[in-house]
Every structure is written in structure tokens, then in C-alpha cells.
Amino acid sequence: MMDKIALQHDLERLALWSRANNMVLHESKFQVLSYSLQRSELLRELPFNAETSAYCTMEGEFIFPVPDVRDLGITLSSNGKFSRHISQMIRRALLLSGWVFSVFRDRSPGVMLTLC
């Protein structure tokens, strides 16, 4: 519970600092990603858990925990694994390679390596 209070305090300080420095924060885009050592998903699925994990911005926007966050091109997951990010990268690579194979008739190694 102390971590929640500390993070809420940090959010308020950040908002005050941004206003003092004439910076605009898009608080509607804020996301919370919580890492936990708990192996059980049971506690995360309880109805009251979202209420105790929510944070409030200075503008009155509520920030609820999300299972995945994309930051700087990397998808981070609350379970600490990169399986979702890897799946997305594989999907994109397959789409791109499908496009390459549909556009180019010559599939010789020289042409294929040039495209990479």
C-alpha cells in the first residue's frame, strides 16, 4: 500500500513540475504496468483489485493497470515476459516477407540478401 501512496505522490509532483515549466502532459495517455512476483493470476482477477490499483491524475483522469504497454517500440508485459513482443515481431516479419515474395519474381540469393 505504501508503494501506491508513493506513486500517487510522484504523479502529483510530476504534474506540478510540468505546470511550473509550461509543459503539457497528455494524462489520458498515461498507463500503469505492475510487475508482480505472484504466480497466481487469481488476485489480479478479483473485482476489487482494479480499484485498489487505480491512480488519479491532477486532471481527474483515472489510470488503471494494463497487462501490456508499448514503449519505445517494445511491448512490455506485466508477467515480465517478452512473448507478446516476440509474437508481434514475427507477425510483422512474415507480413513483410510475404510482400517481398509477392512483388519480386527473382528469388536468387543475391536479390534476397540485397532486400534484407
PDB file of N, CA and C in Angstrom:
ATOM      1  N   MET A   1       0.820  -1.195   0.000  1.00  0.00           N
ATOM      2  CA  MET A   1       0.000   0.000   0.000  1.00  0.00           C
ATOM      3  C   MET A   1       0.869   1.267   0.000  1.00  0.00           C
ATOM      4  N   MET A   2       2.051   1.167   0.606  1.00  0.00           N
ATOM      5  CA  MET A   2       2.950   2.324   0.647  1.00  0.00           C
ATOM      6  C   MET A   2       3.428   2.683  -0.753  1.00  0.00           C
ATOM      7  N   ASP A   3       3.630   1.676  -1.611  1.00  0.00           N
ATOM      8  CA  ASP A   3       4.058   1.942  -2.983  1.00  0.00           C
ATOM      9  C   ASP A   3       2.994   2.724  -3.740  1.00  0.00           C
ATOM     10  N   LYS A   4       1.730   2.382  -3.521  1.00  0.00           N
ATOM     11  CA  LYS A   4       0.631   3.079  -4.191  1.00  0.00           C
ATOM     12  C   LYS A   4       0.598   4.543  -3.773  1.00  0.00           C
ATOM     13  N   ILE A   5       0.758   4.797  -2.496  1.00  0.00           N
ATOM     14  CA  ILE A   5       0.751   6.182  -1.993  1.00  0.00           C
ATOM     15  C   ILE A   5       1.956   6.937  -2.546  1.00  0.00           C
ATOM     16  N   ALA A   6       3.104   6.294  -2.579  1.00  0.00           N
ATOM     17  CA  ALA A   6       4.319   6.947  -3.093  1.00  0.00           C
ATOM     18  C   ALA A   6       4.171   7.273  -4.575  1.00  0.00           C
ATOM     19  N   LEU A   7       3.611   6.340  -5.366  1.00  0.00           N
ATOM     20  CA  LEU A   7       3.427   6.600  -6.796  1.00  0.00           C
ATOM     21  C   LEU A   7       2.407   7.711  -7.018  1.00  0.00           C
ATOM     22  N   GLN A   8       1.332   7.719  -6.232  1.00  0.00           N
ATOM     23  CA  GLN A   8       0.340   8.790  -6.351  1.00  0.00           C
ATOM     24  C   GLN A   8       0.976  10.138  -6.045  1.00  0.00           C
ATOM     25  N   HIS A   9       1.818  10.180  -5.021  1.00  0.00           N
ATOM     26  CA  HIS A   9       2.526  11.412  -4.667  1.00  0.00           C
ATOM     27  C   HIS A   9       3.463  11.842  -5.804  1.00  0.00           C
ATOM     28  N   ASP A  10       4.163  10.890  -6.398  1.00  0.00           N
ATOM     29  CA  ASP A  10       5.056  11.207  -7.522  1.00  0.00           C
ATOM     30  C   ASP A  10       4.290  11.742  -8.726  1.00  0.00           C
ATOM     31  N   LEU A  11       3.107  11.185  -8.992  1.00  0.00           N
ATOM     32  CA  LEU A  11       2.280  11.689 -10.098  1.00  0.00           C
ATOM     33  C   LEU A  11       1.872  13.141  -9.854  1.00  0.00           C
ATOM     34  N   GLU A  12       1.516  13.445  -8.631  1.00  0.00           N
ATOM     35  CA  GLU A  12       1.122  14.819  -8.299  1.00  0.00           C
ATOM     36  C   GLU A  12       2.310  15.772  -8.426  1.00  0.00           C
ATOM     37  N   ARG A  13       3.481  15.351  -7.965  1.00  0.00           N
ATOM     38  CA  ARG A  13       4.683  16.188  -8.102  1.00  0.00           C
ATOM     39  C   ARG A  13       5.045  16.402  -9.564  1.00  0.00           C
ATOM     40  N   LEU A  14       4.908  15.364 -10.380  1.00  0.00           N
ATOM     41  CA  LEU A  14       5.191  15.474 -11.808  1.00  0.00           C
ATOM     42  C   LEU A  14       4.248  16.475 -12.471  1.00  0.00           C
ATOM     43  N   ALA A  15       2.979  16.414 -12.115  1.00  0.00           N
ATOM     44  CA  ALA A  15       2.002  17.345 -12.683  1.00  0.00           C
ATOM     45  C   ALA A  15       2.319  18.787 -12.283  1.00  0.00           C
ATOM     46  N   LEU A  16       2.673  18.998 -11.040  1.00  0.00           N
ATOM     47  CA  LEU A  16       3.033  20.348 -10.585  1.00  0.00           C
ATOM     48  C   LEU A  16       4.292  20.850 -11.283  1.00  0.00           C
ATOM     49  N   TRP A  17       5.285  19.970 -11.442  1.00  0.00           N
ATOM     50  CA  TRP A  17       6.522  20.347 -12.126  1.00  0.00           C
ATOM     51  C   TRP A  17       6.240  20.705 -13.577  1.00  0.00           C
ATOM     52  N   SER A  18       5.396  19.921 -14.249  1.00  0.00           N
ATOM     53  CA  SER A  18       5.104  20.199 -15.657  1.00  0.00           C
ATOM     54  C   SER A  18       4.389  21.534 -15.820  1.00  0.00           C
ATOM     55  N   ARG A  19       3.492  21.837 -14.917  1.00  0.00           N
ATOM     56  CA  ARG A  19       2.806  23.139 -14.987  1.00  0.00           C
ATOM     57  C   ARG A  19       3.766  24.286 -14.727  1.00  0.00           C
ATOM     58  N   ALA A  20       4.656  24.116 -13.768  1.00  0.00           N
ATOM     59  CA  ALA A  20       5.631  25.170 -13.443  1.00  0.00           C
ATOM     60  C   ALA A  20       6.580  25.415 -14.606  1.00  0.00           C
ATOM     61  N   ASN A  21       6.816  24.402 -15.440  1.00  0.00           N
ATOM     62  CA  ASN A  21       7.728  24.520 -16.574  1.00  0.00           C
ATOM     63  C   ASN A  21       6.995  24.637 -17.906  1.00  0.00           C
ATOM     64  N   ASN A  22       5.714  24.978 -17.858  1.00  0.00           N
ATOM     65  CA  ASN A  22       4.890  25.180 -19.055  1.00  0.00           C
ATOM     66  C   ASN A  22       4.925  23.984 -20.012  1.00  0.00           C
ATOM     67  N   MET A  23       4.865  22.802 -19.444  1.00  0.00           N
ATOM     68  CA  MET A  23       4.816  21.579 -20.242  1.00  0.00           C
ATOM     69  C   MET A  23       3.428  20.969 -20.113  1.00  0.00           C
ATOM     70  N   VAL A  24       2.951  20.443 -21.213  1.00  0.00           N
ATOM     71  CA  VAL A  24       1.639  19.811 -21.222  1.00  0.00           C
ATOM     72  C   VAL A  24       1.819  18.296 -21.196  1.00  0.00           C
ATOM     73  N   LEU A  25       1.188  17.657 -20.236  1.00  0.00           N
ATOM     74  CA  LEU A  25       1.205  16.200 -20.170  1.00  0.00           C
ATOM     75  C   LEU A  25      -0.132  15.687 -20.680  1.00  0.00           C
ATOM     76  N   HIS A  26      -0.108  14.687 -21.501  1.00  0.00           N
ATOM     77  CA  HIS A  26      -1.328  14.069 -22.005  1.00  0.00           C
ATOM     78  C   HIS A  26      -1.721  12.960 -21.030  1.00  0.00           C
ATOM     79  N   GLU A  27      -2.384  13.375 -19.964  1.00  0.00           N
ATOM     80  CA  GLU A  27      -2.693  12.448 -18.888  1.00  0.00           C
ATOM     81  C   GLU A  27      -3.633  11.335 -19.326  1.00  0.00           C
ATOM     82  N   SER A  28      -4.381  11.556 -20.391  1.00  0.00           N
ATOM     83  CA  SER A  28      -5.269  10.497 -20.881  1.00  0.00           C
ATOM     84  C   SER A  28      -4.476   9.339 -21.499  1.00  0.00           C
ATOM     85  N   LYS A  29      -3.192   9.579 -21.779  1.00  0.00           N
ATOM     86  CA  LYS A  29      -2.344   8.533 -22.368  1.00  0.00           C
ATOM     87  C   LYS A  29      -1.498   7.808 -21.327  1.00  0.00           C
ATOM     88  N   PHE A  30      -1.616   8.184 -20.067  1.00  0.00           N
ATOM     89  CA  PHE A  30      -0.841   7.531 -19.016  1.00  0.00           C
ATOM     90  C   PHE A  30      -1.286   6.087 -18.873  1.00  0.00           C
ATOM     91  N   GLN A  31      -0.342   5.210 -18.587  1.00  0.00           N
ATOM     92  CA  GLN A  31      -0.637   3.802 -18.352  1.00  0.00           C
ATOM     93  C   GLN A  31       0.196   3.306 -17.178  1.00  0.00           C
ATOM     94  N   VAL A  32      -0.354   2.341 -16.457  1.00  0.00           N
ATOM     95  CA  VAL A  32       0.347   1.733 -15.335  1.00  0.00           C
ATOM     96  C   VAL A  32       0.580   0.275 -15.659  1.00  0.00           C
ATOM     97  N   LEU A  33       1.805  -0.152 -15.510  1.00  0.00           N
ATOM     98  CA  LEU A  33       2.158  -1.554 -15.697  1.00  0.00           C
ATOM     99  C   LEU A  33       2.748  -2.040 -14.381  1.00  0.00           C
ATOM    100  N   SER A  34       2.095  -3.011 -13.771  1.00  0.00           N
ATOM    101  CA  SER A  34       2.549  -3.528 -12.476  1.00  0.00           C
ATOM    102  C   SER A  34       3.204  -4.882 -12.670  1.00  0.00           C
ATOM    103  N   TYR A  35       4.393  -5.002 -12.137  1.00  0.00           N
ATOM    104  CA  TYR A  35       5.082  -6.290 -12.125  1.00  0.00           C
ATOM    105  C   TYR A  35       4.843  -6.935 -10.774  1.00  0.00           C
ATOM    106  N   SER A  36       4.622  -8.230 -10.787  1.00  0.00           N
ATOM    107  CA  SER A  36       4.357  -8.927  -9.538  1.00  0.00           C
ATOM    108  C   SER A  36       5.094 -10.254  -9.514  1.00  0.00           C
ATOM    109  N   LEU A  37       5.501 -10.654  -8.336  1.00  0.00           N
ATOM    110  CA  LEU A  37       6.145 -11.945  -8.168  1.00  0.00           C
ATOM    111  C   LEU A  37       5.118 -13.046  -7.925  1.00  0.00           C
ATOM    112  N   GLN A  38       3.854 -12.658  -7.841  1.00  0.00           N
ATOM    113  CA  GLN A  38       2.803 -13.642  -7.602  1.00  0.00           C
ATOM    114  C   GLN A  38       2.642 -14.520  -8.831  1.00  0.00           C
ATOM    115  N   ARG A  39       2.646 -15.797  -8.621  1.00  0.00           N
ATOM    116  CA  ARG A  39       2.466 -16.736  -9.714  1.00  0.00           C
ATOM    117  C   ARG A  39       0.996 -16.865 -10.082  1.00  0.00           C
ATOM    118  N   SER A  40       0.123 -16.624  -9.126  1.00  0.00           N
ATOM    119  CA  SER A  40      -1.309 -16.806  -9.350  1.00  0.00           C
ATOM    120  C   SER A  40      -1.923 -15.567  -9.979  1.00  0.00           C
ATOM    121  N   GLU A  41      -2.750 -15.783 -10.971  1.00  0.00           N
ATOM    122  CA  GLU A  41      -3.479 -14.688 -11.607  1.00  0.00           C
ATOM    123  C   GLU A  41      -4.765 -14.386 -10.845  1.00  0.00           C
ATOM    124  N   LEU A  42      -5.076 -15.186  -9.826  1.00  0.00           N
ATOM    125  CA  LEU A  42      -6.329 -15.054  -9.102  1.00  0.00           C
ATOM    126  C   LEU A  42      -6.492 -13.663  -8.493  1.00  0.00           C
ATOM    127  N   LEU A  43      -5.456 -13.150  -7.851  1.00  0.00           N
ATOM    128  CA  LEU A  43      -5.568 -11.843  -7.216  1.00  0.00           C
ATOM    129  C   LEU A  43      -5.785 -10.722  -8.228  1.00  0.00           C
ATOM    130  N   ARG A  44      -5.208 -10.862  -9.409  1.00  0.00           N
ATOM    131  CA  ARG A  44      -5.378  -9.830 -10.435  1.00  0.00           C
ATOM    132  C   ARG A  44      -6.793  -9.815 -10.993  1.00  0.00           C
ATOM    133  N   GLU A  45      -7.476 -10.949 -10.915  1.00  0.00           N
ATOM    134  CA  GLU A  45      -8.810 -11.060 -11.497  1.00  0.00           C
ATOM    135  C   GLU A  45      -9.924 -10.690 -10.522  1.00  0.00           C
ATOM    136  N   LEU A  46      -9.593 -10.479  -9.254  1.00  0.00           N
ATOM    137  CA  LEU A  46     -10.620 -10.126  -8.284  1.00  0.00           C
ATOM    138  C   LEU A  46     -11.179  -8.747  -8.604  1.00  0.00           C
ATOM    139  N   PRO A  47     -12.483  -8.537  -8.402  1.00  0.00           N
ATOM    140  CA  PRO A  47     -13.097  -7.268  -8.815  1.00  0.00           C
ATOM    141  C   PRO A  47     -12.591  -6.045  -8.076  1.00  0.00           C
ATOM    142  N   PHE A  48     -12.178  -6.192  -6.830  1.00  0.00           N
ATOM    143  CA  PHE A  48     -11.732  -5.021  -6.074  1.00  0.00           C
ATOM    144  C   PHE A  48     -10.279  -4.669  -6.325  1.00  0.00           C
ATOM    145  N   ASN A  49      -9.538  -5.515  -7.005  1.00  0.00           N
ATOM    146  CA  ASN A  49      -8.119  -5.262  -7.241  1.00  0.00           C
ATOM    147  C   ASN A  49      -7.898  -4.029  -8.116  1.00  0.00           C
ATOM    148  N   ALA A  50      -8.704  -3.835  -9.144  1.00  0.00           N
ATOM    149  CA  ALA A  50      -8.542  -2.671 -10.031  1.00  0.00           C
ATOM    150  C   ALA A  50      -8.782  -1.374  -9.264  1.00  0.00           C
ATOM    151  N   GLU A  51      -9.704  -1.404  -8.317  1.00  0.00           N
ATOM    152  CA  GLU A  51      -9.986  -0.197  -7.541  1.00  0.00           C
ATOM    153  C   GLU A  51      -8.808   0.189  -6.655  1.00  0.00           C
ATOM    154  N   THR A  52      -8.136  -0.806  -6.078  1.00  0.00           N
ATOM    155  CA  THR A  52      -7.017  -0.501  -5.190  1.00  0.00           C
ATOM    156  C   THR A  52      -5.749  -0.180  -5.971  1.00  0.00           C
ATOM    157  N   SER A  53      -5.725  -0.509  -7.256  1.00  0.00           N
ATOM    158  CA  SER A  53      -4.542  -0.265  -8.070  1.00  0.00           C
ATOM    159  C   SER A  53      -4.663   0.984  -8.932  1.00  0.00           C
ATOM    160  N   ALA A  54      -5.804   1.629  -8.928  1.00  0.00           N
ATOM    161  CA  ALA A  54      -6.020   2.800  -9.780  1.00  0.00           C
ATOM    162  C   ALA A  54      -5.352   4.031  -9.176  1.00  0.00           C
ATOM    163  N   TYR A  55      -4.879   4.892 -10.056  1.00  0.00           N
ATOM    164  CA  TYR A  55      -4.272   6.157  -9.656  1.00  0.00           C
ATOM    165  C   TYR A  55      -5.058   7.284 -10.299  1.00  0.00           C
ATOM    166  N   CYS A  56      -4.981   8.464  -9.707  1.00  0.00           N
ATOM    167  CA  CYS A  56      -5.727   9.601 -10.222  1.00  0.00           C
ATOM    168  C   CYS A  56      -4.748  10.724 -10.569  1.00  0.00           C
ATOM    169  N   THR A  57      -4.919  11.312 -11.753  1.00  0.00           N
ATOM    170  CA  THR A  57      -4.073  12.430 -12.162  1.00  0.00           C
ATOM    171  C   THR A  57      -4.665  13.722 -11.622  1.00  0.00           C
ATOM    172  N   MET A  58      -3.929  14.806 -11.781  1.00  0.00           N
ATOM    173  CA  MET A  58      -4.403  16.110 -11.307  1.00  0.00           C
ATOM    174  C   MET A  58      -5.645  16.564 -12.072  1.00  0.00           C
ATOM    175  N   GLU A  59      -5.812  16.081 -13.301  1.00  0.00           N
ATOM    176  CA  GLU A  59      -6.966  16.453 -14.119  1.00  0.00           C
ATOM    177  C   GLU A  59      -8.174  15.578 -13.827  1.00  0.00           C
ATOM    178  N   GLY A  60      -8.026  14.620 -12.916  1.00  0.00           N
ATOM    179  CA  GLY A  60      -9.136  13.754 -12.563  1.00  0.00           C
ATOM    180  C   GLY A  60      -9.244  12.494 -13.403  1.00  0.00           C
ATOM    181  N   GLU A  61      -8.248  12.232 -14.244  1.00  0.00           N
ATOM    182  CA  GLU A  61      -8.239  11.015 -15.061  1.00  0.00           C
ATOM    183  C   GLU A  61      -7.784   9.848 -14.182  1.00  0.00           C
ATOM    184  N   PHE A  62      -8.478   8.727 -14.284  1.00  0.00           N
ATOM    185  CA  PHE A  62      -8.062   7.538 -13.555  1.00  0.00           C
ATOM    186  C   PHE A  62      -7.151   6.695 -14.439  1.00  0.00           C
ATOM    187  N   ILE A  63      -6.105   6.184 -13.842  1.00  0.00           N
ATOM    188  CA  ILE A  63      -5.155   5.337 -14.550  1.00  0.00           C
ATOM    189  C   ILE A  63      -5.254   3.945 -13.933  1.00  0.00           C
ATOM    190  N   PHE A  64      -5.691   2.989 -14.730  1.00  0.00           N
ATOM    191  CA  PHE A  64      -5.829   1.616 -14.258  1.00  0.00           C
ATOM    192  C   PHE A  64      -4.690   0.778 -14.818  1.00  0.00           C
ATOM    193  N   PRO A  65      -4.279  -0.250 -14.098  1.00  0.00           N
ATOM    194  CA  PRO A  65      -3.215  -1.132 -14.605  1.00  0.00           C
ATOM    195  C   PRO A  65      -3.638  -1.830 -15.896  1.00  0.00           C
ATOM    196  N   VAL A  66      -2.676  -2.014 -16.776  1.00  0.00           N
ATOM    197  CA  VAL A  66      -2.909  -2.714 -18.038  1.00  0.00           C
ATOM    198  C   VAL A  66      -1.953  -3.907 -18.104  1.00  0.00           C
ATOM    199  N   PRO A  67      -2.315  -4.962 -18.838  1.00  0.00           N
ATOM    200  CA  PRO A  67      -1.437  -6.134 -18.901  1.00  0.00           C
ATOM    201  C   PRO A  67      -0.201  -5.931 -19.772  1.00  0.00           C
ATOM    202  N   ASP A  68      -0.304  -5.057 -20.789  1.00  0.00           N
ATOM    203  CA  ASP A  68       0.814  -4.823 -21.707  1.00  0.00           C
ATOM    204  C   ASP A  68       0.912  -3.336 -22.018  1.00  0.00           C
ATOM    205  N   VAL A  69       2.144  -2.864 -22.166  1.00  0.00           N
ATOM    206  CA  VAL A  69       2.392  -1.469 -22.538  1.00  0.00           C
ATOM    207  C   VAL A  69       3.439  -1.462 -23.639  1.00  0.00           C
ATOM    208  N   ARG A  70       3.203  -0.659 -24.680  1.00  0.00           N
ATOM    209  CA  ARG A  70       4.195  -0.493 -25.744  1.00  0.00           C
ATOM    210  C   ARG A  70       4.943   0.808 -25.485  1.00  0.00           C
ATOM    211  N   ASP A  71       6.249   0.699 -25.335  1.00  0.00           N
ATOM    212  CA  ASP A  71       7.073   1.863 -25.047  1.00  0.00           C
ATOM    213  C   ASP A  71       8.359   1.759 -25.851  1.00  0.00           C
ATOM    214  N   LEU A  72       8.629   2.793 -26.632  1.00  0.00           N
ATOM    215  CA  LEU A  72       9.830   2.847 -27.473  1.00  0.00           C
ATOM    216  C   LEU A  72       9.953   1.626 -28.379  1.00  0.00           C
ATOM    217  N   GLY A  73       8.813   1.154 -28.882  1.00  0.00           N
ATOM    218  CA  GLY A  73       8.801   0.059 -29.831  1.00  0.00           C
ATOM    219  C   GLY A  73       8.855  -1.330 -29.222  1.00  0.00           C
ATOM    220  N   ILE A  74       8.874  -1.411 -27.910  1.00  0.00           N
ATOM    221  CA  ILE A  74       8.937  -2.708 -27.236  1.00  0.00           C
ATOM    222  C   ILE A  74       7.668  -2.896 -26.414  1.00  0.00           C
ATOM    223  N   THR A  75       7.062  -4.068 -26.539  1.00  0.00           N
ATOM    224  CA  THR A  75       5.873  -4.379 -25.746  1.00  0.00           C
ATOM    225  C   THR A  75       6.317  -5.045 -24.455  1.00  0.00           C
ATOM    226  N   LEU A  76       6.021  -4.376 -23.351  1.00  0.00           N
ATOM    227  CA  LEU A  76       6.351  -4.895 -22.025  1.00  0.00           C
ATOM    228  C   LEU A  76       5.099  -5.512 -21.422  1.00  0.00           C
ATOM    229  N   SER A  77       5.220  -6.653 -20.787  1.00  0.00           N
ATOM    230  CA  SER A  77       4.085  -7.337 -20.186  1.00  0.00           C
ATOM    231  C   SER A  77       4.224  -7.379 -18.673  1.00  0.00           C
ATOM    232  N   SER A  78       3.086  -7.421 -17.997  1.00  0.00           N
ATOM    233  CA  SER A  78       3.099  -7.426 -16.534  1.00  0.00           C
ATOM    234  C   SER A  78       3.688  -8.713 -15.961  1.00  0.00           C
ATOM    235  N   ASN A  79       3.754  -9.768 -16.754  1.00  0.00           N
ATOM    236  CA  ASN A  79       4.349 -11.017 -16.268  1.00  0.00           C
ATOM    237  C   ASN A  79       5.866 -11.045 -16.458  1.00  0.00           C
ATOM    238  N   GLY A  80       6.429  -9.989 -17.054  1.00  0.00           N
ATOM    239  CA  GLY A  80       7.876  -9.891 -17.223  1.00  0.00           C
ATOM    240  C   GLY A  80       8.415 -10.656 -18.420  1.00  0.00           C
ATOM    241  N   LYS A  81       7.536 -11.228 -19.221  1.00  0.00           N
ATOM    242  CA  LYS A  81       7.974 -11.992 -20.384  1.00  0.00           C
ATOM    243  C   LYS A  81       7.819 -11.151 -21.649  1.00  0.00           C
ATOM    244  N   PHE A  82       8.561 -11.511 -22.670  1.00  0.00           N
ATOM    245  CA  PHE A  82       8.529 -10.780 -23.929  1.00  0.00           C
ATOM    246  C   PHE A  82       7.802 -11.560 -25.022  1.00  0.00           C
ATOM    247  N   SER A  83       7.009 -12.559 -24.654  1.00  0.00           N
ATOM    248  CA  SER A  83       6.357 -13.419 -25.645  1.00  0.00           C
ATOM    249  C   SER A  83       5.408 -12.628 -26.547  1.00  0.00           C
ATOM    250  N   ARG A  84       4.694 -11.654 -26.011  1.00  0.00           N
ATOM    251  CA  ARG A  84       3.800 -10.856 -26.855  1.00  0.00           C
ATOM    252  C   ARG A  84       4.603 -10.017 -27.845  1.00  0.00           C
ATOM    253  N   HIS A  85       5.685  -9.415 -27.395  1.00  0.00           N
ATOM    254  CA  HIS A  85       6.536  -8.607 -28.269  1.00  0.00           C
ATOM    255  C   HIS A  85       7.135  -9.473 -29.375  1.00  0.00           C
ATOM    256  N   ILE A  86       7.620 -10.641 -29.007  1.00  0.00           N
ATOM    257  CA  ILE A  86       8.213 -11.543 -29.990  1.00  0.00           C
ATOM    258  C   ILE A  86       7.175 -11.970 -31.018  1.00  0.00           C
ATOM    259  N   SER A  87       5.961 -12.287 -30.564  1.00  0.00           N
ATOM    260  CA  SER A  87       4.887 -12.678 -31.489  1.00  0.00           C
ATOM    261  C   SER A  87       4.569 -11.554 -32.475  1.00  0.00           C
ATOM    262  N   GLN A  88       4.540 -10.319 -31.987  1.00  0.00           N
ATOM    263  CA  GLN A  88       4.272  -9.180 -32.864  1.00  0.00           C
ATOM    264  C   GLN A  88       5.387  -9.006 -33.892  1.00  0.00           C
ATOM    265  N   MET A  89       6.627  -9.167 -33.478  1.00  0.00           N
ATOM    266  CA  MET A  89       7.753  -9.022 -34.404  1.00  0.00           C
ATOM    267  C   MET A  89       7.735 -10.125 -35.461  1.00  0.00           C
ATOM    268  N   ILE A  90       7.411 -11.338 -35.062  1.00  0.00           N
ATOM    269  CA  ILE A  90       7.321 -12.448 -36.019  1.00  0.00           C
ATOM    270  C   ILE A  90       6.210 -12.179 -37.025  1.00  0.00           C
ATOM    271  N   ARG A  91       5.066 -11.712 -36.532  1.00  0.00           N
ATOM    272  CA  ARG A  91       3.937 -11.416 -37.419  1.00  0.00           C
ATOM    273  C   ARG A  91       4.319 -10.351 -38.450  1.00  0.00           C
ATOM    274  N   ARG A  92       5.006  -9.307 -38.008  1.00  0.00           N
ATOM    275  CA  ARG A  92       5.431  -8.246 -38.934  1.00  0.00           C
ATOM    276  C   ARG A  92       6.444  -8.769 -39.954  1.00  0.00           C
ATOM    277  N   ALA A  93       7.365  -9.604 -39.500  1.00  0.00           N
ATOM    278  CA  ALA A  93       8.366 -10.161 -40.415  1.00  0.00           C
ATOM    279  C   ALA A  93       7.708 -11.045 -41.464  1.00  0.00           C
ATOM    280  N   LEU A  94       6.717 -11.833 -41.055  1.00  0.00           N
ATOM    281  CA  LEU A  94       6.008 -12.681 -42.011  1.00  0.00           C
ATOM    282  C   LEU A  94       5.235 -11.851 -43.031  1.00  0.00           C
ATOM    283  N   LEU A  95       4.613 -10.762 -42.568  1.00  0.00           N
ATOM    284  CA  LEU A  95       3.897  -9.884 -43.500  1.00  0.00           C
ATOM    285  C   LEU A  95       4.855  -9.253 -44.507  1.00  0.00           C
ATOM    286  N   LEU A  96       5.992  -8.783 -44.026  1.00  0.00           N
ATOM    287  CA  LEU A  96       6.973  -8.151 -44.906  1.00  0.00           C
ATOM    288  C   LEU A  96       7.568  -9.157 -45.881  1.00  0.00           C
ATOM    289  N   SER A  97       7.880 -10.351 -45.399  1.00  0.00           N
ATOM    290  CA  SER A  97       8.448 -11.346 -46.309  1.00  0.00           C
ATOM    291  C   SER A  97       7.407 -11.801 -47.331  1.00  0.00           C
ATOM    292  N   GLY A  98       6.152 -11.866 -46.930  1.00  0.00           N
ATOM    293  CA  GLY A  98       5.091 -12.191 -47.888  1.00  0.00           C
ATOM    294  C   GLY A  98       4.989 -11.143 -48.970  1.00  0.00           C
ATOM    295  N   TRP A  99       5.131  -9.873 -48.589  1.00  0.00           N
ATOM    296  CA  TRP A  99       5.094  -8.790 -49.567  1.00  0.00           C
ATOM    297  C   TRP A  99       6.282  -8.901 -50.519  1.00  0.00           C
ATOM    298  N   VAL A 100       7.467  -9.150 -49.958  1.00  0.00           N
ATOM    299  CA  VAL A 100       8.679  -9.261 -50.789  1.00  0.00           C
ATOM    300  C   VAL A 100       8.519 -10.385 -51.795  1.00  0.00           C
ATOM    301  N   PHE A 101       8.041 -11.533 -51.361  1.00  0.00           N
ATOM    302  CA  PHE A 101       7.894 -12.672 -52.267  1.00  0.00           C
ATOM    303  C   PHE A 101       6.805 -12.447 -53.307  1.00  0.00           C
ATOM    304  N   SER A 102       5.807 -11.624 -52.980  1.00  0.00           N
ATOM    305  CA  SER A 102       4.751 -11.372 -53.964  1.00  0.00           C
ATOM    306  C   SER A 102       5.163 -10.334 -55.001  1.00  0.00           C
ATOM    307  N   VAL A 103       6.104  -9.461 -54.676  1.00  0.00           N
ATOM    308  CA  VAL A 103       6.499  -8.370 -55.567  1.00  0.00           C
ATOM    309  C   VAL A 103       7.661  -8.767 -56.475  1.00  0.00           C
ATOM    310  N   PHE A 104       8.633  -9.488 -55.949  1.00  0.00           N
ATOM    311  CA  PHE A 104       9.836  -9.807 -56.704  1.00  0.00           C
ATOM    312  C   PHE A 104       9.744 -11.225 -57.276  1.00  0.00           C
ATOM    313  N   ARG A 105       9.997 -11.326 -58.562  1.00  0.00           N
ATOM    314  CA  ARG A 105       9.961 -12.632 -59.225  1.00  0.00           C
ATOM    315  C   ARG A 105      11.263 -13.385 -59.038  1.00  0.00           C
ATOM    316  N   ASP A 106      12.362 -12.647 -59.039  1.00  0.00           N
ATOM    317  CA  ASP A 106      13.679 -13.261 -58.926  1.00  0.00           C
ATOM    318  C   ASP A 106      13.979 -13.517 -57.442  1.00  0.00           C
ATOM    319  N   ARG A 107      14.155 -14.764 -57.090  1.00  0.00           N
ATOM    320  CA  ARG A 107      14.423 -15.119 -55.696  1.00  0.00           C
ATOM    321  C   ARG A 107      15.839 -15.667 -55.511  1.00  0.00           C
ATOM    322  N   SER A 108      16.713 -15.201 -56.337  1.00  0.00           N
ATOM    323  CA  SER A 108      18.100 -15.650 -56.213  1.00  0.00           C
ATOM    324  C   SER A 108      18.698 -15.072 -54.911  1.00  0.00           C
ATOM    325  N   PRO A 109      19.687 -15.742 -54.351  1.00  0.00           N
ATOM    326  CA  PRO A 109      20.278 -15.280 -53.090  1.00  0.00           C
ATOM    327  C   PRO A 109      20.785 -13.837 -53.141  1.00  0.00           C
ATOM    328  N   GLY A 110      21.348 -13.425 -54.270  1.00  0.00           N
ATOM    329  CA  GLY A 110      21.854 -12.054 -54.378  1.00  0.00           C
ATOM    330  C   GLY A 110      20.750 -11.032 -54.225  1.00  0.00           C
ATOM    331  N   VAL A 111      19.605 -11.276 -54.861  1.00  0.00           N
ATOM    332  CA  VAL A 111      18.488 -10.336 -54.772  1.00  0.00           C
ATOM    333  C   VAL A 111      17.892 -10.353 -53.370  1.00  0.00           C
ATOM    334  N   MET A 112      17.704 -11.534 -52.794  1.00  0.00           N
ATOM    335  CA  MET A 112      17.092 -11.654 -51.467  1.00  0.00           C
ATOM    336  C   MET A 112      17.977 -11.015 -50.401  1.00  0.00           C
ATOM    337  N   LEU A 113      19.276 -11.193 -50.475  1.00  0.00           N
ATOM    338  CA  LEU A 113      20.168 -10.591 -49.481  1.00  0.00           C
ATOM    339  C   LEU A 113      20.226  -9.081 -49.616  1.00  0.00           C
ATOM    340  N   THR A 114      20.072  -8.573 -50.835  1.00  0.00           N
ATOM    341  CA  THR A 114      20.053  -7.137 -51.054  1.00  0.00           C
ATOM    342  C   THR A 114      18.829  -6.509 -50.387  1.00  0.00           C
ATOM    343  N   LEU A 115      17.715  -7.199 -50.402  1.00  0.00           N
ATOM    344  CA  LEU A 115      16.479  -6.694 -49.813  1.00  0.00           C
ATOM    345  C   LEU A 115      16.512  -6.680 -48.285  1.00  0.00           C
ATOM    346  N   CYS A 116      17.334  -7.530 -47.717  1.00  0.00           N
ATOM    347  CA  CYS A 116      17.414  -7.586 -46.245  1.00  0.00           C
ATOM    348  C   CYS A 116      18.159  -6.408 -45.771  1.00  0.00           C
TER     349      CYS A 116
END
